[in-house]
Amino acid sequence: MGITKFATYSCARSYSTCISSGRWSVLIVHGEKAHSCYFSRDAYAAMTAESKYTDNKELMIIPDAVHTDLYDNVDVIPFDKLQSFFEKYL
């Protein structure tokens, strides 16, 4: 089995386990007032709970933002944070 097939198979079993066990960088951005904000908090907690690779994983909660604010509200979207994260980890 090639490495790509193995990685795909492994990640399909448990996304958060796959991310937490690897060196992949993750930036989760979510609006504080979004009804699904708990999902991002839970995913971040799962990724970092038992991982030795936590320095490149971040959770950014945008104060007073709802889910759709992060689509097109340029006053809320953290462009500076996105840029610095990508420059550092890509």
PDB file of N, CA and C in Angstrom:
ATOM      1  N   MET A   1       0.857  -1.186   0.000  1.00  0.00           N
ATOM      2  CA  MET A   1       0.000   0.000   0.000  1.00  0.00           C
ATOM      3  C   MET A   1       0.889   1.230   0.000  1.00  0.00           C
ATOM      4  N   GLY A   2       0.656   2.138  -0.946  1.00  0.00           N
ATOM      5  CA  GLY A   2       1.446   3.357  -1.024  1.00  0.00           C
ATOM      6  C   GLY A   2       1.151   4.293   0.132  1.00  0.00           C
ATOM      7  N   ILE A   3       2.031   5.246   0.372  1.00  0.00           N
ATOM      8  CA  ILE A   3       1.863   6.185   1.485  1.00  0.00           C
ATOM      9  C   ILE A   3       0.597   7.010   1.351  1.00  0.00           C
ATOM     10  N   THR A   4       0.241   7.417   0.143  1.00  0.00           N
ATOM     11  CA  THR A   4      -0.978   8.210  -0.044  1.00  0.00           C
ATOM     12  C   THR A   4      -2.205   7.398   0.324  1.00  0.00           C
ATOM     13  N   LYS A   5      -2.267   6.167  -0.130  1.00  0.00           N
ATOM     14  CA  LYS A   5      -3.408   5.317   0.206  1.00  0.00           C
ATOM     15  C   LYS A   5      -3.459   5.054   1.696  1.00  0.00           C
ATOM     16  N   PHE A   6      -2.303   4.836   2.320  1.00  0.00           N
ATOM     17  CA  PHE A   6      -2.272   4.595   3.756  1.00  0.00           C
ATOM     18  C   PHE A   6      -2.765   5.814   4.526  1.00  0.00           C
ATOM     19  N   ALA A   7      -2.283   6.994   4.154  1.00  0.00           N
ATOM     20  CA  ALA A   7      -2.686   8.226   4.839  1.00  0.00           C
ATOM     21  C   ALA A   7      -4.182   8.467   4.669  1.00  0.00           C
ATOM     22  N   THR A   8      -4.692   8.231   3.470  1.00  0.00           N
ATOM     23  CA  THR A   8      -6.121   8.411   3.229  1.00  0.00           C
ATOM     24  C   THR A   8      -6.929   7.447   4.079  1.00  0.00           C
ATOM     25  N   TYR A   9      -6.507   6.194   4.125  1.00  0.00           N
ATOM     26  CA  TYR A   9      -7.200   5.190   4.929  1.00  0.00           C
ATOM     27  C   TYR A   9      -7.142   5.551   6.406  1.00  0.00           C
ATOM     28  N   SER A  10      -5.974   5.925   6.873  1.00  0.00           N
ATOM     29  CA  SER A  10      -5.804   6.246   8.286  1.00  0.00           C
ATOM     30  C   SER A  10      -6.642   7.444   8.697  1.00  0.00           C
ATOM     31  N   CYS A  11      -6.646   8.481   7.859  1.00  0.00           N
ATOM     32  CA  CYS A  11      -7.384   9.692   8.189  1.00  0.00           C
ATOM     33  C   CYS A  11      -8.887   9.471   8.123  1.00  0.00           C
ATOM     34  N   ALA A  12      -9.329   8.578   7.276  1.00  0.00           N
ATOM     35  CA  ALA A  12     -10.761   8.318   7.168  1.00  0.00           C
ATOM     36  C   ALA A  12     -11.305   7.707   8.449  1.00  0.00           C
ATOM     37  N   ARG A  13     -10.463   7.027   9.203  1.00  0.00           N
ATOM     38  CA  ARG A  13     -10.919   6.395  10.439  1.00  0.00           C
ATOM     39  C   ARG A  13     -11.274   7.430  11.508  1.00  0.00           C
ATOM     40  N   SER A  14     -10.452   8.425  11.675  1.00  0.00           N
ATOM     41  CA  SER A  14     -10.700   9.442  12.687  1.00  0.00           C
ATOM     42  C   SER A  14      -9.929  10.709  12.335  1.00  0.00           C
ATOM     43  N   TYR A  15     -10.655  11.700  11.887  1.00  0.00           N
ATOM     44  CA  TYR A  15     -10.020  12.932  11.432  1.00  0.00           C
ATOM     45  C   TYR A  15      -9.221  13.604  12.538  1.00  0.00           C
ATOM     46  N   SER A  16      -9.824  13.764  13.708  1.00  0.00           N
ATOM     47  CA  SER A  16      -9.113  14.464  14.782  1.00  0.00           C
ATOM     48  C   SER A  16      -7.923  13.661  15.281  1.00  0.00           C
ATOM     49  N   THR A  17      -8.025  12.343  15.282  1.00  0.00           N
ATOM     50  CA  THR A  17      -6.890  11.514  15.679  1.00  0.00           C
ATOM     51  C   THR A  17      -5.772  11.652  14.669  1.00  0.00           C
ATOM     52  N   CYS A  18      -6.117  11.661  13.413  1.00  0.00           N
ATOM     53  CA  CYS A  18      -5.125  11.799  12.345  1.00  0.00           C
ATOM     54  C   CYS A  18      -4.410  13.138  12.453  1.00  0.00           C
ATOM     55  N   ILE A  19      -5.141  14.200  12.653  1.00  0.00           N
ATOM     56  CA  ILE A  19      -4.546  15.534  12.760  1.00  0.00           C
ATOM     57  C   ILE A  19      -3.676  15.635  14.007  1.00  0.00           C
ATOM     58  N   SER A  20      -4.151  15.128  15.143  1.00  0.00           N
ATOM     59  CA  SER A  20      -3.397  15.261  16.380  1.00  0.00           C
ATOM     60  C   SER A  20      -2.126  14.432  16.378  1.00  0.00           C
ATOM     61  N   SER A  21      -2.112  13.357  15.598  1.00  0.00           N
ATOM     62  CA  SER A  21      -0.925  12.507  15.579  1.00  0.00           C
ATOM     63  C   SER A  21       0.102  12.962  14.552  1.00  0.00           C
ATOM     64  N   GLY A  22      -0.230  13.965  13.771  1.00  0.00           N
ATOM     65  CA  GLY A  22       0.685  14.438  12.740  1.00  0.00           C
ATOM     66  C   GLY A  22       1.165  15.842  12.974  1.00  0.00           C
ATOM     67  N   ARG A  23       2.055  16.278  12.110  1.00  0.00           N
ATOM     68  CA  ARG A  23       2.612  17.616  12.226  1.00  0.00           C
ATOM     69  C   ARG A  23       1.837  18.637  11.416  1.00  0.00           C
ATOM     70  N   TRP A  24       0.681  18.286  10.904  1.00  0.00           N
ATOM     71  CA  TRP A  24      -0.096  19.217  10.090  1.00  0.00           C
ATOM     72  C   TRP A  24      -0.507  20.439  10.893  1.00  0.00           C
ATOM     73  N   SER A  25      -0.382  21.579  10.266  1.00  0.00           N
ATOM     74  CA  SER A  25      -0.799  22.824  10.904  1.00  0.00           C
ATOM     75  C   SER A  25      -2.295  23.005  10.726  1.00  0.00           C
ATOM     76  N   VAL A  26      -2.941  23.491  11.777  1.00  0.00           N
ATOM     77  CA  VAL A  26      -4.394  23.678  11.754  1.00  0.00           C
ATOM     78  C   VAL A  26      -4.725  25.014  12.403  1.00  0.00           C
ATOM     79  N   LEU A  27      -5.498  25.828  11.707  1.00  0.00           N
ATOM     80  CA  LEU A  27      -6.041  27.061  12.266  1.00  0.00           C
ATOM     81  C   LEU A  27      -7.551  26.969  12.137  1.00  0.00           C
ATOM     82  N   ILE A  28      -8.228  26.938  13.264  1.00  0.00           N
ATOM     83  CA  ILE A  28      -9.689  26.893  13.278  1.00  0.00           C
ATOM     84  C   ILE A  28     -10.178  28.294  13.618  1.00  0.00           C
ATOM     85  N   VAL A  29     -11.001  28.859  12.750  1.00  0.00           N
ATOM     86  CA  VAL A  29     -11.556  30.196  12.958  1.00  0.00           C
ATOM     87  C   VAL A  29     -13.065  30.057  13.023  1.00  0.00           C
ATOM     88  N   HIS A  30     -13.659  30.568  14.109  1.00  0.00           N
ATOM     89  CA  HIS A  30     -15.100  30.416  14.286  1.00  0.00           C
ATOM     90  C   HIS A  30     -15.678  31.649  14.970  1.00  0.00           C
ATOM     91  N   GLY A  31     -16.885  31.994  14.603  1.00  0.00           N
ATOM     92  CA  GLY A  31     -17.578  33.109  15.250  1.00  0.00           C
ATOM     93  C   GLY A  31     -18.090  32.696  16.618  1.00  0.00           C
ATOM     94  N   GLU A  32     -17.895  33.553  17.584  1.00  0.00           N
ATOM     95  CA  GLU A  32     -18.292  33.280  18.969  1.00  0.00           C
ATOM     96  C   GLU A  32     -19.788  33.001  19.101  1.00  0.00           C
ATOM     97  N   LYS A  33     -20.598  33.711  18.333  1.00  0.00           N
ATOM     98  CA  LYS A  33     -22.045  33.579  18.467  1.00  0.00           C
ATOM     99  C   LYS A  33     -22.653  32.571  17.486  1.00  0.00           C
ATOM    100  N   ALA A  34     -21.824  31.868  16.751  1.00  0.00           N
ATOM    101  CA  ALA A  34     -22.335  30.838  15.837  1.00  0.00           C
ATOM    102  C   ALA A  34     -22.879  29.674  16.664  1.00  0.00           C
ATOM    103  N   HIS A  35     -24.007  29.148  16.253  1.00  0.00           N
ATOM    104  CA  HIS A  35     -24.605  28.051  17.015  1.00  0.00           C
ATOM    105  C   HIS A  35     -23.718  26.803  17.012  1.00  0.00           C
ATOM    106  N   SER A  36     -22.800  26.703  16.071  1.00  0.00           N
ATOM    107  CA  SER A  36     -21.931  25.531  15.960  1.00  0.00           C
ATOM    108  C   SER A  36     -20.537  25.750  16.547  1.00  0.00           C
ATOM    109  N   CYS A  37     -20.366  26.805  17.296  1.00  0.00           N
ATOM    110  CA  CYS A  37     -19.043  27.116  17.849  1.00  0.00           C
ATOM    111  C   CYS A  37     -18.517  25.985  18.729  1.00  0.00           C
ATOM    112  N   TYR A  38     -19.400  25.288  19.386  1.00  0.00           N
ATOM    113  CA  TYR A  38     -18.987  24.168  20.233  1.00  0.00           C
ATOM    114  C   TYR A  38     -18.207  23.120  19.437  1.00  0.00           C
ATOM    115  N   PHE A  39     -18.570  22.946  18.168  1.00  0.00           N
ATOM    116  CA  PHE A  39     -17.903  21.947  17.340  1.00  0.00           C
ATOM    117  C   PHE A  39     -16.414  22.278  17.182  1.00  0.00           C
ATOM    118  N   SER A  40     -16.105  23.535  16.924  1.00  0.00           N
ATOM    119  CA  SER A  40     -14.703  23.936  16.776  1.00  0.00           C
ATOM    120  C   SER A  40     -13.949  23.798  18.084  1.00  0.00           C
ATOM    121  N   ARG A  41     -14.588  24.164  19.173  1.00  0.00           N
ATOM    122  CA  ARG A  41     -13.944  24.014  20.488  1.00  0.00           C
ATOM    123  C   ARG A  41     -13.655  22.543  20.772  1.00  0.00           C
ATOM    124  N   ASP A  42     -14.630  21.687  20.486  1.00  0.00           N
ATOM    125  CA  ASP A  42     -14.456  20.245  20.707  1.00  0.00           C
ATOM    126  C   ASP A  42     -13.379  19.666  19.794  1.00  0.00           C
ATOM    127  N   ALA A  43     -13.375  20.077  18.526  1.00  0.00           N
ATOM    128  CA  ALA A  43     -12.381  19.574  17.578  1.00  0.00           C
ATOM    129  C   ALA A  43     -10.973  19.990  18.000  1.00  0.00           C
ATOM    130  N   TYR A  44     -10.827  21.235  18.421  1.00  0.00           N
ATOM    131  CA  TYR A  44      -9.520  21.710  18.869  1.00  0.00           C
ATOM    132  C   TYR A  44      -9.064  20.944  20.108  1.00  0.00           C
ATOM    133  N   ALA A  45      -9.968  20.751  21.044  1.00  0.00           N
ATOM    134  CA  ALA A  45      -9.631  20.008  22.256  1.00  0.00           C
ATOM    135  C   ALA A  45      -9.199  18.583  21.916  1.00  0.00           C
ATOM    136  N   ALA A  46      -9.897  17.948  20.987  1.00  0.00           N
ATOM    137  CA  ALA A  46      -9.553  16.587  20.587  1.00  0.00           C
ATOM    138  C   ALA A  46      -8.198  16.534  19.887  1.00  0.00           C
ATOM    139  N   MET A  47      -7.894  17.547  19.086  1.00  0.00           N
ATOM    140  CA  MET A  47      -6.627  17.563  18.360  1.00  0.00           C
ATOM    141  C   MET A  47      -5.432  17.765  19.267  1.00  0.00           C
ATOM    142  N   THR A  48      -5.625  18.482  20.356  1.00  0.00           N
ATOM    143  CA  THR A  48      -4.494  18.850  21.200  1.00  0.00           C
ATOM    144  C   THR A  48      -4.406  18.068  22.504  1.00  0.00           C
ATOM    145  N   ALA A  49      -5.425  17.301  22.827  1.00  0.00           N
ATOM    146  CA  ALA A  49      -5.487  16.624  24.124  1.00  0.00           C
ATOM    147  C   ALA A  49      -4.299  15.708  24.391  1.00  0.00           C
ATOM    148  N   GLU A  50      -3.994  14.846  23.472  1.00  0.00           N
ATOM    149  CA  GLU A  50      -2.922  13.878  23.703  1.00  0.00           C
ATOM    150  C   GLU A  50      -1.852  13.950  22.623  1.00  0.00           C
ATOM    151  N   SER A  51      -1.686  15.114  22.053  1.00  0.00           N
ATOM    152  CA  SER A  51      -0.735  15.282  20.956  1.00  0.00           C
ATOM    153  C   SER A  51       0.526  15.976  21.440  1.00  0.00           C
ATOM    154  N   LYS A  52       1.641  15.521  20.921  1.00  0.00           N
ATOM    155  CA  LYS A  52       2.879  16.244  21.202  1.00  0.00           C
ATOM    156  C   LYS A  52       3.091  17.370  20.192  1.00  0.00           C
ATOM    157  N   TYR A  53       2.205  17.454  19.189  1.00  0.00           N
ATOM    158  CA  TYR A  53       2.282  18.481  18.155  1.00  0.00           C
ATOM    159  C   TYR A  53       1.152  19.494  18.343  1.00  0.00           C
ATOM    160  N   THR A  54       1.309  20.382  19.294  1.00  0.00           N
ATOM    161  CA  THR A  54       0.264  21.376  19.541  1.00  0.00           C
ATOM    162  C   THR A  54       0.705  22.791  19.182  1.00  0.00           C
ATOM    163  N   ASP A  55       1.989  22.984  18.948  1.00  0.00           N
ATOM    164  CA  ASP A  55       2.497  24.332  18.683  1.00  0.00           C
ATOM    165  C   ASP A  55       1.992  24.911  17.368  1.00  0.00           C
ATOM    166  N   ASN A  56       1.547  24.061  16.447  1.00  0.00           N
ATOM    167  CA  ASN A  56       1.091  24.538  15.139  1.00  0.00           C
ATOM    168  C   ASN A  56      -0.417  24.368  14.947  1.00  0.00           C
ATOM    169  N   LYS A  57      -1.135  24.299  16.045  1.00  0.00           N
ATOM    170  CA  LYS A  57      -2.596  24.186  16.000  1.00  0.00           C
ATOM    171  C   LYS A  57      -3.184  25.320  16.834  1.00  0.00           C
ATOM    172  N   GLU A  58      -4.109  26.059  16.242  1.00  0.00           N
ATOM    173  CA  GLU A  58      -4.674  27.216  16.933  1.00  0.00           C
ATOM    174  C   GLU A  58      -6.180  27.268  16.757  1.00  0.00           C
ATOM    175  N   LEU A  59      -6.838  27.755  17.785  1.00  0.00           N
ATOM    176  CA  LEU A  59      -8.275  28.008  17.763  1.00  0.00           C
ATOM    177  C   LEU A  59      -8.458  29.509  17.928  1.00  0.00           C
ATOM    178  N   MET A  60      -9.123  30.125  16.962  1.00  0.00           N
ATOM    179  CA  MET A  60      -9.369  31.558  17.020  1.00  0.00           C
ATOM    180  C   MET A  60     -10.871  31.792  17.002  1.00  0.00           C
ATOM    181  N   ILE A  61     -11.388  32.283  18.117  1.00  0.00           N
ATOM    182  CA  ILE A  61     -12.810  32.592  18.241  1.00  0.00           C
ATOM    183  C   ILE A  61     -12.973  34.099  18.028  1.00  0.00           C
ATOM    184  N   ILE A  62     -13.784  34.455  17.032  1.00  0.00           N
ATOM    185  CA  ILE A  62     -13.990  35.866  16.710  1.00  0.00           C
ATOM    186  C   ILE A  62     -15.132  36.409  17.572  1.00  0.00           C
ATOM    187  N   PRO A  63     -14.847  37.377  18.453  1.00  0.00           N
ATOM    188  CA  PRO A  63     -15.873  37.915  19.346  1.00  0.00           C
ATOM    189  C   PRO A  63     -17.064  38.505  18.583  1.00  0.00           C
ATOM    190  N   ASP A  64     -18.239  38.229  19.088  1.00  0.00           N
ATOM    191  CA  ASP A  64     -19.507  38.771  18.576  1.00  0.00           C
ATOM    192  C   ASP A  64     -19.825  38.390  17.129  1.00  0.00           C
ATOM    193  N   ALA A  65     -19.103  37.480  16.535  1.00  0.00           N
ATOM    194  CA  ALA A  65     -19.350  37.092  15.141  1.00  0.00           C
ATOM    195  C   ALA A  65     -20.251  35.857  15.078  1.00  0.00           C
ATOM    196  N   VAL A  66     -21.132  35.850  14.094  1.00  0.00           N
ATOM    197  CA  VAL A  66     -21.932  34.664  13.804  1.00  0.00           C
ATOM    198  C   VAL A  66     -21.266  33.936  12.638  1.00  0.00           C
ATOM    199  N   HIS A  67     -21.789  32.785  12.299  1.00  0.00           N
ATOM    200  CA  HIS A  67     -21.186  31.946  11.268  1.00  0.00           C
ATOM    201  C   HIS A  67     -21.003  32.690   9.940  1.00  0.00           C
ATOM    202  N   THR A  68     -22.028  33.361   9.488  1.00  0.00           N
ATOM    203  CA  THR A  68     -21.976  33.997   8.172  1.00  0.00           C
ATOM    204  C   THR A  68     -21.119  35.270   8.142  1.00  0.00           C
ATOM    205  N   ASP A  69     -20.797  35.832   9.301  1.00  0.00           N
ATOM    206  CA  ASP A  69     -19.903  36.995   9.324  1.00  0.00           C
ATOM    207  C   ASP A  69     -18.544  36.653   8.725  1.00  0.00           C
ATOM    208  N   LEU A  70     -18.145  35.414   8.842  1.00  0.00           N
ATOM    209  CA  LEU A  70     -16.826  35.018   8.353  1.00  0.00           C
ATOM    210  C   LEU A  70     -16.819  34.724   6.862  1.00  0.00           C
ATOM    211  N   TYR A  71     -17.952  34.854   6.206  1.00  0.00           N
ATOM    212  CA  TYR A  71     -18.016  34.688   4.751  1.00  0.00           C
ATOM    213  C   TYR A  71     -17.650  35.982   4.029  1.00  0.00           C
ATOM    214  N   ASP A  72     -18.243  37.091   4.463  1.00  0.00           N
ATOM    215  CA  ASP A  72     -18.079  38.308   3.685  1.00  0.00           C
ATOM    216  C   ASP A  72     -18.036  39.599   4.494  1.00  0.00           C
ATOM    217  N   ASN A  73     -17.974  39.522   5.785  1.00  0.00           N
ATOM    218  CA  ASN A  73     -17.878  40.723   6.604  1.00  0.00           C
ATOM    219  C   ASN A  73     -16.393  41.045   6.796  1.00  0.00           C
ATOM    220  N   VAL A  74     -15.853  41.875   5.931  1.00  0.00           N
ATOM    221  CA  VAL A  74     -14.419  42.137   5.941  1.00  0.00           C
ATOM    222  C   VAL A  74     -13.942  42.841   7.211  1.00  0.00           C
ATOM    223  N   ASP A  75     -14.865  43.409   7.965  1.00  0.00           N
ATOM    224  CA  ASP A  75     -14.491  44.040   9.229  1.00  0.00           C
ATOM    225  C   ASP A  75     -14.250  43.013  10.331  1.00  0.00           C
ATOM    226  N   VAL A  76     -14.698  41.794  10.117  1.00  0.00           N
ATOM    227  CA  VAL A  76     -14.605  40.747  11.132  1.00  0.00           C
ATOM    228  C   VAL A  76     -13.565  39.683  10.772  1.00  0.00           C
ATOM    229  N   ILE A  77     -13.383  39.437   9.504  1.00  0.00           N
ATOM    230  CA  ILE A  77     -12.466  38.383   9.053  1.00  0.00           C
ATOM    231  C   ILE A  77     -11.032  38.745   9.460  1.00  0.00           C
ATOM    232  N   PRO A  78     -10.343  37.835  10.153  1.00  0.00           N
ATOM    233  CA  PRO A  78      -8.995  38.131  10.661  1.00  0.00           C
ATOM    234  C   PRO A  78      -7.911  37.918   9.604  1.00  0.00           C
ATOM    235  N   PHE A  79      -7.889  38.774   8.596  1.00  0.00           N
ATOM    236  CA  PHE A  79      -6.948  38.611   7.491  1.00  0.00           C
ATOM    237  C   PHE A  79      -5.493  38.607   7.962  1.00  0.00           C
ATOM    238  N   ASP A  80      -5.161  39.455   8.928  1.00  0.00           N
ATOM    239  CA  ASP A  80      -3.783  39.504   9.419  1.00  0.00           C
ATOM    240  C   ASP A  80      -3.371  38.185  10.068  1.00  0.00           C
ATOM    241  N   LYS A  81      -4.277  37.580  10.816  1.00  0.00           N
ATOM    242  CA  LYS A  81      -3.981  36.300  11.448  1.00  0.00           C
ATOM    243  C   LYS A  81      -3.852  35.189  10.404  1.00  0.00           C
ATOM    244  N   LEU A  82      -4.742  35.174   9.427  1.00  0.00           N
ATOM    245  CA  LEU A  82      -4.660  34.179   8.356  1.00  0.00           C
ATOM    246  C   LEU A  82      -3.315  34.296   7.631  1.00  0.00           C
ATOM    247  N   GLN A  83      -2.938  35.511   7.301  1.00  0.00           N
ATOM    248  CA  GLN A  83      -1.677  35.726   6.593  1.00  0.00           C
ATOM    249  C   GLN A  83      -0.483  35.269   7.428  1.00  0.00           C
ATOM    250  N   SER A  84      -0.428  35.656   8.687  1.00  0.00           N
ATOM    251  CA  SER A  84       0.730  35.287   9.510  1.00  0.00           C
ATOM    252  C   SER A  84       0.784  33.774   9.749  1.00  0.00           C
ATOM    253  N   PHE A  85      -0.371  33.138   9.912  1.00  0.00           N
ATOM    254  CA  PHE A  85      -0.399  31.686  10.105  1.00  0.00           C
ATOM    255  C   PHE A  85       0.103  30.970   8.854  1.00  0.00           C
ATOM    256  N   PHE A  86      -0.386  31.386   7.689  1.00  0.00           N
ATOM    257  CA  PHE A  86       0.040  30.767   6.443  1.00  0.00           C
ATOM    258  C   PHE A  86       1.517  31.002   6.157  1.00  0.00           C
ATOM    259  N   GLU A  87       1.989  32.208   6.430  1.00  0.00           N
ATOM    260  CA  GLU A  87       3.406  32.498   6.206  1.00  0.00           C
ATOM    261  C   GLU A  87       4.304  31.657   7.119  1.00  0.00           C
ATOM    262  N   LYS A  88       3.828  31.407   8.316  1.00  0.00           N
ATOM    263  CA  LYS A  88       4.627  30.657   9.282  1.00  0.00           C
ATOM    264  C   LYS A  88       4.622  29.151   8.993  1.00  0.00           C
ATOM    265  N   TYR A  89       3.469  28.613   8.606  1.00  0.00           N
ATOM    266  CA  TYR A  89       3.343  27.160   8.537  1.00  0.00           C
ATOM    267  C   TYR A  89       3.244  26.568   7.132  1.00  0.00           C
ATOM    268  N   LEU A  90       3.102  27.389   6.096  1.00  0.00           N
ATOM    269  CA  LEU A  90       3.058  26.821   4.746  1.00  0.00           C
ATOM    270  C   LEU A  90       4.398  26.911   4.067  1.00  0.00           C
TER     271      LEU A  90
END
